[in-house]
Amino acid sequence: MLKECSYCKGQINTEIDSYFTCLDNFIQVKYFDTEEENIFCSQECFCNYVQLEEIEPLEEEINVKDKR
């Protein structure tokens, strides 16, 4: 069965391709109106879809914590 990635719109053949889906109930309710929208071709596409970003501390903040 052909489906498309919710982020990049790439084609996914769910019978032969692996894919990612979010299992968290809170995120499912808040982000997805249907089960068809909860399908991604990669972890990167999922993270971009929900706007997950790694924030690293500034070097000054690290130095202040080390001095305590």
PDB file of N, CA and C in Angstrom:
ATOM      1  N   MET A   1       0.835  -1.169   0.000  1.00  0.00           N
ATOM      2  CA  MET A   1       0.000   0.000   0.000  1.00  0.00           C
ATOM      3  C   MET A   1       0.892   1.247   0.000  1.00  0.00           C
ATOM      4  N   LEU A   2       0.657   2.171  -0.908  1.00  0.00           N
ATOM      5  CA  LEU A   2       1.446   3.401  -0.994  1.00  0.00           C
ATOM      6  C   LEU A   2       0.858   4.476  -0.091  1.00  0.00           C
ATOM      7  N   LYS A   3       1.747   5.076   0.690  1.00  0.00           N
ATOM      8  CA  LYS A   3       1.382   6.221   1.533  1.00  0.00           C
ATOM      9  C   LYS A   3       2.460   7.270   1.315  1.00  0.00           C
ATOM     10  N   GLU A   4       2.241   8.457   1.855  1.00  0.00           N
ATOM     11  CA  GLU A   4       3.280   9.481   1.704  1.00  0.00           C
ATOM     12  C   GLU A   4       3.689  10.019   3.061  1.00  0.00           C
ATOM     13  N   CYS A   5       4.954  10.386   3.135  1.00  0.00           N
ATOM     14  CA  CYS A   5       5.518  10.957   4.354  1.00  0.00           C
ATOM     15  C   CYS A   5       4.822  12.288   4.635  1.00  0.00           C
ATOM     16  N   SER A   6       4.426  12.484   5.878  1.00  0.00           N
ATOM     17  CA  SER A   6       3.718  13.715   6.246  1.00  0.00           C
ATOM     18  C   SER A   6       4.599  14.951   6.156  1.00  0.00           C
ATOM     19  N   TYR A   7       5.906  14.770   6.180  1.00  0.00           N
ATOM     20  CA  TYR A   7       6.786  15.930   6.116  1.00  0.00           C
ATOM     21  C   TYR A   7       7.292  16.199   4.696  1.00  0.00           C
ATOM     22  N   CYS A   8       7.978  15.229   4.097  1.00  0.00           N
ATOM     23  CA  CYS A   8       8.616  15.482   2.799  1.00  0.00           C
ATOM     24  C   CYS A   8       7.762  15.046   1.616  1.00  0.00           C
ATOM     25  N   LYS A   9       6.649  14.377   1.900  1.00  0.00           N
ATOM     26  CA  LYS A   9       5.710  13.898   0.873  1.00  0.00           C
ATOM     27  C   LYS A   9       6.283  12.788   0.005  1.00  0.00           C
ATOM     28  N   GLY A  10       7.402  12.172   0.452  1.00  0.00           N
ATOM     29  CA  GLY A  10       7.972  11.040  -0.270  1.00  0.00           C
ATOM     30  C   GLY A  10       7.063   9.826  -0.198  1.00  0.00           C
ATOM     31  N   GLN A  11       7.088   9.008  -1.232  1.00  0.00           N
ATOM     32  CA  GLN A  11       6.253   7.807  -1.296  1.00  0.00           C
ATOM     33  C   GLN A  11       6.831   6.701  -0.409  1.00  0.00           C
ATOM     34  N   ILE A  12       5.958   6.034   0.342  1.00  0.00           N
ATOM     35  CA  ILE A  12       6.336   4.918   1.207  1.00  0.00           C
ATOM     36  C   ILE A  12       5.438   3.744   0.856  1.00  0.00           C
ATOM     37  N   ASN A  13       6.050   2.639   0.473  1.00  0.00           N
ATOM     38  CA  ASN A  13       5.292   1.414   0.235  1.00  0.00           C
ATOM     39  C   ASN A  13       5.298   0.645   1.547  1.00  0.00           C
ATOM     40  N   THR A  14       4.202   0.708   2.286  1.00  0.00           N
ATOM     41  CA  THR A  14       4.163   0.136   3.630  1.00  0.00           C
ATOM     42  C   THR A  14       4.267  -1.386   3.648  1.00  0.00           C
ATOM     43  N   GLU A  15       4.167  -2.010   2.496  1.00  0.00           N
ATOM     44  CA  GLU A  15       4.299  -3.469   2.436  1.00  0.00           C
ATOM     45  C   GLU A  15       5.755  -3.917   2.360  1.00  0.00           C
ATOM     46  N   ILE A  16       6.649  -3.029   1.879  1.00  0.00           N
ATOM     47  CA  ILE A  16       8.058  -3.409   1.758  1.00  0.00           C
ATOM     48  C   ILE A  16       9.027  -2.418   2.402  1.00  0.00           C
ATOM     49  N   ASP A  17       8.603  -1.170   2.612  1.00  0.00           N
ATOM     50  CA  ASP A  17       9.469  -0.145   3.202  1.00  0.00           C
ATOM     51  C   ASP A  17       9.196  -0.012   4.698  1.00  0.00           C
ATOM     52  N   SER A  18      10.260   0.216   5.465  1.00  0.00           N
ATOM     53  CA  SER A  18      10.039   0.554   6.867  1.00  0.00           C
ATOM     54  C   SER A  18       9.653   2.032   6.932  1.00  0.00           C
ATOM     55  N   TYR A  19       8.958   2.392   7.986  1.00  0.00           N
ATOM     56  CA  TYR A  19       8.550   3.786   8.170  1.00  0.00           C
ATOM     57  C   TYR A  19       8.412   4.059   9.659  1.00  0.00           C
ATOM     58  N   PHE A  20       8.218   5.305  10.007  1.00  0.00           N
ATOM     59  CA  PHE A  20       8.127   5.716  11.399  1.00  0.00           C
ATOM     60  C   PHE A  20       6.742   6.279  11.672  1.00  0.00           C
ATOM     61  N   THR A  21       6.276   6.031  12.892  1.00  0.00           N
ATOM     62  CA  THR A  21       4.992   6.569  13.329  1.00  0.00           C
ATOM     63  C   THR A  21       5.122   6.925  14.805  1.00  0.00           C
ATOM     64  N   CYS A  22       4.473   7.970  15.231  1.00  0.00           N
ATOM     65  CA  CYS A  22       4.549   8.422  16.617  1.00  0.00           C
ATOM     66  C   CYS A  22       3.563   7.621  17.468  1.00  0.00           C
ATOM     67  N   LEU A  23       4.021   7.087  18.589  1.00  0.00           N
ATOM     68  CA  LEU A  23       3.172   6.283  19.467  1.00  0.00           C
ATOM     69  C   LEU A  23       2.694   7.053  20.696  1.00  0.00           C
ATOM     70  N   ASP A  24       3.187   8.264  20.894  1.00  0.00           N
ATOM     71  CA  ASP A  24       2.808   9.060  22.057  1.00  0.00           C
ATOM     72  C   ASP A  24       1.380   9.592  21.896  1.00  0.00           C
ATOM     73  N   ASN A  25       0.503   9.242  22.824  1.00  0.00           N
ATOM     74  CA  ASN A  25      -0.909   9.638  22.724  1.00  0.00           C
ATOM     75  C   ASN A  25      -1.107  11.153  22.704  1.00  0.00           C
ATOM     76  N   PHE A  26      -0.376  11.880  23.538  1.00  0.00           N
ATOM     77  CA  PHE A  26      -0.527  13.331  23.577  1.00  0.00           C
ATOM     78  C   PHE A  26      -0.170  13.955  22.230  1.00  0.00           C
ATOM     79  N   ILE A  27       0.959  13.537  21.666  1.00  0.00           N
ATOM     80  CA  ILE A  27       1.380  14.076  20.372  1.00  0.00           C
ATOM     81  C   ILE A  27       0.408  13.649  19.273  1.00  0.00           C
ATOM     82  N   GLN A  28      -0.072  12.426  19.331  1.00  0.00           N
ATOM     83  CA  GLN A  28      -1.045  11.972  18.334  1.00  0.00           C
ATOM     84  C   GLN A  28      -2.271  12.872  18.320  1.00  0.00           C
ATOM     85  N   VAL A  29      -2.795  13.200  19.485  1.00  0.00           N
ATOM     86  CA  VAL A  29      -4.006  14.024  19.582  1.00  0.00           C
ATOM     87  C   VAL A  29      -3.729  15.460  19.138  1.00  0.00           C
ATOM     88  N   LYS A  30      -2.594  16.010  19.529  1.00  0.00           N
ATOM     89  CA  LYS A  30      -2.284  17.415  19.239  1.00  0.00           C
ATOM     90  C   LYS A  30      -1.834  17.671  17.797  1.00  0.00           C
ATOM     91  N   TYR A  31      -1.132  16.713  17.184  1.00  0.00           N
ATOM     92  CA  TYR A  31      -0.525  16.960  15.877  1.00  0.00           C
ATOM     93  C   TYR A  31      -1.240  16.306  14.699  1.00  0.00           C
ATOM     94  N   PHE A  32      -1.940  15.205  14.928  1.00  0.00           N
ATOM     95  CA  PHE A  32      -2.459  14.428  13.807  1.00  0.00           C
ATOM     96  C   PHE A  32      -3.980  14.328  13.858  1.00  0.00           C
ATOM     97  N   ASP A  33      -4.625  14.710  12.764  1.00  0.00           N
ATOM     98  CA  ASP A  33      -6.077  14.583  12.680  1.00  0.00           C
ATOM     99  C   ASP A  33      -6.488  13.162  12.305  1.00  0.00           C
ATOM    100  N   THR A  34      -5.650  12.475  11.536  1.00  0.00           N
ATOM    101  CA  THR A  34      -5.951  11.107  11.108  1.00  0.00           C
ATOM    102  C   THR A  34      -4.708  10.242  11.271  1.00  0.00           C
ATOM    103  N   GLU A  35      -4.910   8.935  11.247  1.00  0.00           N
ATOM    104  CA  GLU A  35      -3.790   7.997  11.326  1.00  0.00           C
ATOM    105  C   GLU A  35      -2.902   8.105  10.090  1.00  0.00           C
ATOM    106  N   GLU A  36      -3.479   8.481   8.960  1.00  0.00           N
ATOM    107  CA  GLU A  36      -2.727   8.634   7.707  1.00  0.00           C
ATOM    108  C   GLU A  36      -1.674   9.736   7.809  1.00  0.00           C
ATOM    109  N   GLU A  37      -1.894  10.725   8.676  1.00  0.00           N
ATOM    110  CA  GLU A  37      -0.944  11.829   8.827  1.00  0.00           C
ATOM    111  C   GLU A  37       0.236  11.451   9.713  1.00  0.00           C
ATOM    112  N   ASN A  38       0.145  10.342  10.420  1.00  0.00           N
ATOM    113  CA  ASN A  38       1.166   9.930  11.371  1.00  0.00           C
ATOM    114  C   ASN A  38       2.087   8.878  10.740  1.00  0.00           C
ATOM    115  N   ILE A  39       2.691   9.228   9.617  1.00  0.00           N
ATOM    116  CA  ILE A  39       3.607   8.317   8.924  1.00  0.00           C
ATOM    117  C   ILE A  39       4.759   9.138   8.346  1.00  0.00           C
ATOM    118  N   PHE A  40       5.978   8.645   8.592  1.00  0.00           N
ATOM    119  CA  PHE A  40       7.172   9.380   8.197  1.00  0.00           C
ATOM    120  C   PHE A  40       8.194   8.412   7.625  1.00  0.00           C
ATOM    121  N   CYS A  41       8.950   8.870   6.633  1.00  0.00           N
ATOM    122  CA  CYS A  41       9.951   8.013   5.994  1.00  0.00           C
ATOM    123  C   CYS A  41      11.235   7.931   6.806  1.00  0.00           C
ATOM    124  N   SER A  42      11.453   8.868   7.747  1.00  0.00           N
ATOM    125  CA  SER A  42      12.682   8.855   8.549  1.00  0.00           C
ATOM    126  C   SER A  42      12.445   9.553   9.889  1.00  0.00           C
ATOM    127  N   GLN A  43      13.351   9.320  10.811  1.00  0.00           N
ATOM    128  CA  GLN A  43      13.289  10.022  12.093  1.00  0.00           C
ATOM    129  C   GLN A  43      13.486  11.522  11.885  1.00  0.00           C
ATOM    130  N   GLU A  44      14.342  11.871  10.937  1.00  0.00           N
ATOM    131  CA  GLU A  44      14.602  13.284  10.643  1.00  0.00           C
ATOM    132  C   GLU A  44      13.320  13.991  10.188  1.00  0.00           C
ATOM    133  N   CYS A  45      12.544  13.344   9.329  1.00  0.00           N
ATOM    134  CA  CYS A  45      11.286  13.949   8.876  1.00  0.00           C
ATOM    135  C   CYS A  45      10.328  14.146  10.046  1.00  0.00           C
ATOM    136  N   PHE A  46      10.262  13.166  10.950  1.00  0.00           N
ATOM    137  CA  PHE A  46       9.388  13.316  12.119  1.00  0.00           C
ATOM    138  C   PHE A  46       9.830  14.493  12.978  1.00  0.00           C
ATOM    139  N   CYS A  47      11.135  14.579  13.252  1.00  0.00           N
ATOM    140  CA  CYS A  47      11.648  15.667  14.087  1.00  0.00           C
ATOM    141  C   CYS A  47      11.395  17.028  13.444  1.00  0.00           C
ATOM    142  N   ASN A  48      11.540  17.115  12.138  1.00  0.00           N
ATOM    143  CA  ASN A  48      11.263  18.372  11.449  1.00  0.00           C
ATOM    144  C   ASN A  48       9.768  18.700  11.490  1.00  0.00           C
ATOM    145  N   TYR A  49       8.934  17.681  11.379  1.00  0.00           N
ATOM    146  CA  TYR A  49       7.479  17.884  11.386  1.00  0.00           C
ATOM    147  C   TYR A  49       7.013  18.474  12.714  1.00  0.00           C
ATOM    148  N   VAL A  50       7.525  17.943  13.816  1.00  0.00           N
ATOM    149  CA  VAL A  50       7.107  18.445  15.130  1.00  0.00           C
ATOM    150  C   VAL A  50       8.044  19.543  15.633  1.00  0.00           C
ATOM    151  N   GLN A  51       8.960  19.956  14.798  1.00  0.00           N
ATOM    152  CA  GLN A  51       9.879  21.053  15.065  1.00  0.00           C
ATOM    153  C   GLN A  51      10.758  20.806  16.284  1.00  0.00           C
ATOM    154  N   LEU A  52      11.291  19.593  16.359  1.00  0.00           N
ATOM    155  CA  LEU A  52      12.217  19.250  17.418  1.00  0.00           C
ATOM    156  C   LEU A  52      13.599  19.771  17.047  1.00  0.00           C
ATOM    157  N   GLU A  53      14.216  20.471  17.990  1.00  0.00           N
ATOM    158  CA  GLU A  53      15.535  21.042  17.735  1.00  0.00           C
ATOM    159  C   GLU A  53      16.387  20.908  18.993  1.00  0.00           C
ATOM    160  N   GLU A  54      17.645  20.560  18.812  1.00  0.00           N
ATOM    161  CA  GLU A  54      18.560  20.468  19.948  1.00  0.00           C
ATOM    162  C   GLU A  54      19.108  21.852  20.259  1.00  0.00           C
ATOM    163  N   ILE A  55      19.027  22.239  21.515  1.00  0.00           N
ATOM    164  CA  ILE A  55      19.555  23.524  21.966  1.00  0.00           C
ATOM    165  C   ILE A  55      20.776  23.237  22.831  1.00  0.00           C
ATOM    166  N   GLU A  56      21.873  23.794  22.441  1.00  0.00           N
ATOM    167  CA  GLU A  56      23.099  23.594  23.199  1.00  0.00           C
ATOM    168  C   GLU A  56      23.363  24.846  24.035  1.00  0.00           C
ATOM    169  N   PRO A  57      23.857  24.672  25.262  1.00  0.00           N
ATOM    170  CA  PRO A  57      24.130  25.834  26.111  1.00  0.00           C
ATOM    171  C   PRO A  57      25.257  26.682  25.523  1.00  0.00           C
ATOM    172  N   LEU A  58      25.158  27.963  25.790  1.00  0.00           N
ATOM    173  CA  LEU A  58      26.223  28.862  25.361  1.00  0.00           C
ATOM    174  C   LEU A  58      27.482  28.572  26.178  1.00  0.00           C
ATOM    175  N   GLU A  59      28.630  28.824  25.613  1.00  0.00           N
ATOM    176  CA  GLU A  59      29.891  28.537  26.295  1.00  0.00           C
ATOM    177  C   GLU A  59      29.986  29.298  27.613  1.00  0.00           C
ATOM    178  N   GLU A  60      29.450  30.537  27.646  1.00  0.00           N
ATOM    179  CA  GLU A  60      29.501  31.330  28.877  1.00  0.00           C
ATOM    180  C   GLU A  60      28.698  30.661  29.987  1.00  0.00           C
ATOM    181  N   GLU A  61      27.552  30.071  29.638  1.00  0.00           N
ATOM    182  CA  GLU A  61      26.726  29.395  30.634  1.00  0.00           C
ATOM    183  C   GLU A  61      27.439  28.180  31.207  1.00  0.00           C
ATOM    184  N   ILE A  62      28.160  27.459  30.366  1.00  0.00           N
ATOM    185  CA  ILE A  62      28.908  26.285  30.828  1.00  0.00           C
ATOM    186  C   ILE A  62      29.993  26.712  31.797  1.00  0.00           C
ATOM    187  N   ASN A  63      30.708  27.817  31.492  1.00  0.00           N
ATOM    188  CA  ASN A  63      31.788  28.312  32.356  1.00  0.00           C
ATOM    189  C   ASN A  63      31.242  28.765  33.705  1.00  0.00           C
ATOM    190  N   VAL A  64      30.084  29.404  33.725  1.00  0.00           N
ATOM    191  CA  VAL A  64      29.487  29.876  34.982  1.00  0.00           C
ATOM    192  C   VAL A  64      29.119  28.680  35.855  1.00  0.00           C
ATOM    193  N   LYS A  65      28.536  27.641  35.271  1.00  0.00           N
ATOM    194  CA  LYS A  65      28.162  26.447  36.043  1.00  0.00           C
ATOM    195  C   LYS A  65      29.379  25.733  36.591  1.00  0.00           C
ATOM    196  N   ASP A  66      30.479  25.706  35.847  1.00  0.00           N
ATOM    197  CA  ASP A  66      31.689  25.032  36.299  1.00  0.00           C
ATOM    198  C   ASP A  66      32.330  25.767  37.492  1.00  0.00           C
ATOM    199  N   LYS A  67      32.126  27.076  37.594  1.00  0.00           N
ATOM    200  CA  LYS A  67      32.738  27.864  38.669  1.00  0.00           C
ATOM    201  C   LYS A  67      31.962  27.745  39.986  1.00  0.00           C
ATOM    202  N   ARG A  68      30.754  27.217  39.929  1.00  0.00           N
ATOM    203  CA  ARG A  68      29.950  27.119  41.167  1.00  0.00           C
ATOM    204  C   ARG A  68      30.396  26.014  42.041  1.00  0.00           C
TER     205      ARG A  68
END
